[in-house]
């Protein structure tokens, strides 16, 4: 399990997964047999192409994190484009998932030290004070 956690920690995992899930949700709403489905915009190739490319961008963010900036910018543009082509972006849910995932991937910083809990920081500071009192 530690190899998976290490692999996941070296890439914008949450952003890529959200972007891919947003694209999948939009594709599912395109094929839903509901009488509520809206027919706004181009229902041809673009209605299926944009969410499919969102899924591809999400997977590329996961498996090629060095190019995450390009894929995240492309992902946000595709997500916003689904507003017109795919049932108002999968009834707004898929659009929001794709937009949030893209911004998370764009803002991810590689080679950043893991965050420490406040209690661990506090314990380290107290240990340093105790050590300074013993020396002085």
Protein backbone atom coordinates (compact mmCIF):
# COMPACT_ATOMS: atom_id res chain seq x y z
CA UNK A 1 0.00 0.00 0.00
CA UNK A 2 2.91 2.37 0.59
CA UNK A 3 3.96 2.17 -3.08
CA UNK A 4 0.50 3.30 -4.14
CA UNK A 5 0.50 6.16 -1.62
CA UNK A 6 3.94 7.23 -2.81
CA UNK A 7 2.83 7.08 -6.47
CA UNK A 8 -0.31 9.06 -5.66
CA UNK A 9 1.67 11.65 -3.71
CA UNK A 10 3.88 12.51 -6.69
CA UNK A 11 1.03 13.68 -8.92
CA UNK A 12 -2.12 15.84 -8.78
CA UNK A 13 -4.26 12.80 -8.04
CA UNK A 14 -7.46 14.45 -6.81
CA UNK A 15 -7.51 16.94 -9.68
CA UNK A 16 -7.05 14.28 -12.36
CA UNK A 17 -9.70 12.02 -10.84
CA UNK A 18 -12.22 14.85 -10.54
CA UNK A 19 -11.65 15.92 -14.13
CA UNK A 20 -12.10 12.36 -15.40
CA UNK A 21 -15.19 11.79 -13.25
CA UNK A 22 -16.69 15.06 -14.47
CA UNK A 23 -16.27 13.93 -18.07
CA UNK A 24 -17.77 10.52 -17.27
CA UNK A 25 -20.76 12.13 -15.57
CA UNK A 26 -21.41 14.32 -18.60
CA UNK A 27 -21.20 11.32 -20.92
CA UNK A 28 -23.66 9.42 -18.74
CA UNK A 29 -26.17 12.27 -18.78
CA UNK A 30 -25.89 12.41 -22.56
CA UNK A 31 -27.05 8.79 -22.81
CA UNK A 32 -29.60 8.90 -19.97
CA UNK A 33 -33.11 7.79 -21.01
CA UNK A 34 -34.77 10.65 -19.17
CA UNK A 35 -37.50 12.87 -20.60
CA UNK A 36 -35.82 15.73 -18.69
CA UNK A 37 -32.75 15.78 -20.93
CA UNK A 38 -32.29 19.14 -22.53
CA UNK A 39 -31.43 19.46 -26.18
CA UNK A 40 -29.47 22.68 -26.12
CA UNK A 41 -26.57 23.30 -28.43
CA UNK A 42 -24.80 20.99 -30.81
CA UNK A 43 -25.85 17.43 -30.10
CA UNK A 44 -23.61 15.92 -32.74
CA UNK A 45 -19.98 15.03 -32.39
CA UNK A 46 -19.07 17.88 -30.04
CA UNK A 47 -21.54 16.68 -27.41
CA UNK A 48 -19.63 13.41 -27.08
CA UNK A 49 -16.16 14.67 -27.99
CA UNK A 50 -15.73 17.25 -25.22
CA UNK A 51 -16.52 14.95 -22.26
CA UNK A 52 -14.41 12.20 -23.84
CA UNK A 53 -11.47 14.59 -24.07
CA UNK A 54 -12.09 15.61 -20.44
CA UNK A 55 -11.65 11.97 -19.41
CA UNK A 56 -8.47 11.71 -21.49
CA UNK A 57 -7.07 14.92 -19.96
CA UNK A 58 -7.85 13.64 -16.45
CA UNK A 59 -6.02 10.38 -17.13
CA UNK A 60 -3.09 12.21 -18.72
CA UNK A 61 -2.82 14.41 -15.63
CA UNK A 62 -2.58 11.24 -13.54
CA UNK A 63 -0.07 9.40 -15.69
CA UNK A 64 1.98 12.33 -17.06
CA UNK A 65 2.08 14.96 -14.30
CA UNK A 66 4.95 16.90 -15.86
CA UNK A 67 2.53 18.29 -18.47
CA UNK A 68 -0.22 19.02 -15.93
CA UNK A 69 -0.39 22.75 -16.75
CA UNK A 70 -1.28 22.17 -20.40
CA UNK A 71 -3.76 19.40 -19.59
CA UNK A 72 -5.42 21.41 -16.83
CA UNK A 73 -5.87 24.48 -19.05
CA UNK A 74 -7.28 22.25 -21.78
CA UNK A 75 -9.49 20.54 -19.19
CA UNK A 76 -11.02 23.80 -17.93
CA UNK A 77 -11.71 24.93 -21.49
CA UNK A 78 -13.36 21.60 -22.30
CA UNK A 79 -15.40 21.74 -19.09
CA UNK A 80 -16.69 25.19 -19.88
CA UNK A 81 -17.43 24.14 -23.45
CA UNK A 82 -19.75 21.40 -22.23
CA UNK A 83 -22.12 24.10 -21.00
CA UNK A 84 -23.22 24.57 -24.61
CA UNK A 85 -22.82 21.09 -26.02
CA UNK A 86 -23.84 18.59 -23.34
CA UNK A 87 -27.03 19.23 -21.36
CA UNK A 88 -25.71 22.34 -19.63
CA UNK A 89 -22.52 20.56 -18.63
CA UNK A 90 -24.15 17.41 -17.33
CA UNK A 91 -26.73 19.41 -15.38
CA UNK A 92 -23.87 21.57 -14.00
CA UNK A 93 -22.48 18.71 -11.85
CA UNK A 94 -19.99 17.44 -14.42
CA UNK A 95 -19.01 20.96 -15.38
CA UNK A 96 -18.22 21.84 -11.77
CA UNK A 97 -16.33 18.60 -11.16
CA UNK A 98 -14.24 19.21 -14.27
CA UNK A 99 -13.56 22.85 -13.40
CA UNK A 100 -12.58 22.08 -9.80
CA UNK A 101 -10.39 19.16 -10.89
CA UNK A 102 -8.64 21.28 -13.50
CA UNK A 103 -7.90 24.07 -11.05
CA UNK A 104 -6.63 21.59 -8.46
CA UNK A 105 -4.28 20.08 -11.04
CA UNK A 106 -3.12 23.53 -12.15
CA UNK A 107 -2.38 24.61 -8.59
CA UNK A 108 -0.56 21.44 -7.55
CA UNK A 109 3.10 21.97 -6.69
CA UNK A 110 5.57 19.12 -7.24
CA UNK A 111 8.39 18.39 -4.80
CA UNK A 112 6.57 20.02 -1.93
CA UNK A 113 7.22 18.66 1.53
CA UNK A 114 4.31 16.84 3.10
CA UNK A 115 2.16 18.92 5.41
CA UNK A 116 2.54 18.37 9.11
CA UNK A 117 -0.31 18.39 11.57
CA UNK A 118 -0.47 21.28 14.01
CA UNK A 119 -0.01 18.95 16.94
CA UNK A 120 3.23 17.61 15.41
CA UNK A 121 4.51 21.15 14.84
CA UNK A 122 3.61 22.11 18.40
CA UNK A 123 5.34 19.03 19.83
CA UNK A 124 8.48 19.77 17.79
CA UNK A 125 8.50 23.39 19.01
CA UNK A 126 8.09 22.30 22.64
CA UNK A 127 10.88 19.75 22.22
CA UNK A 128 13.13 22.49 20.79
CA UNK A 129 12.36 24.80 23.74
CA UNK A 130 13.05 22.02 26.23
CA UNK A 131 16.35 21.28 24.50
CA UNK A 132 17.31 24.98 24.53
CA UNK A 133 16.60 25.20 28.28
CA UNK A 134 18.75 22.16 29.00
CA UNK A 135 21.69 23.62 27.05
CA UNK A 136 21.40 27.12 28.47
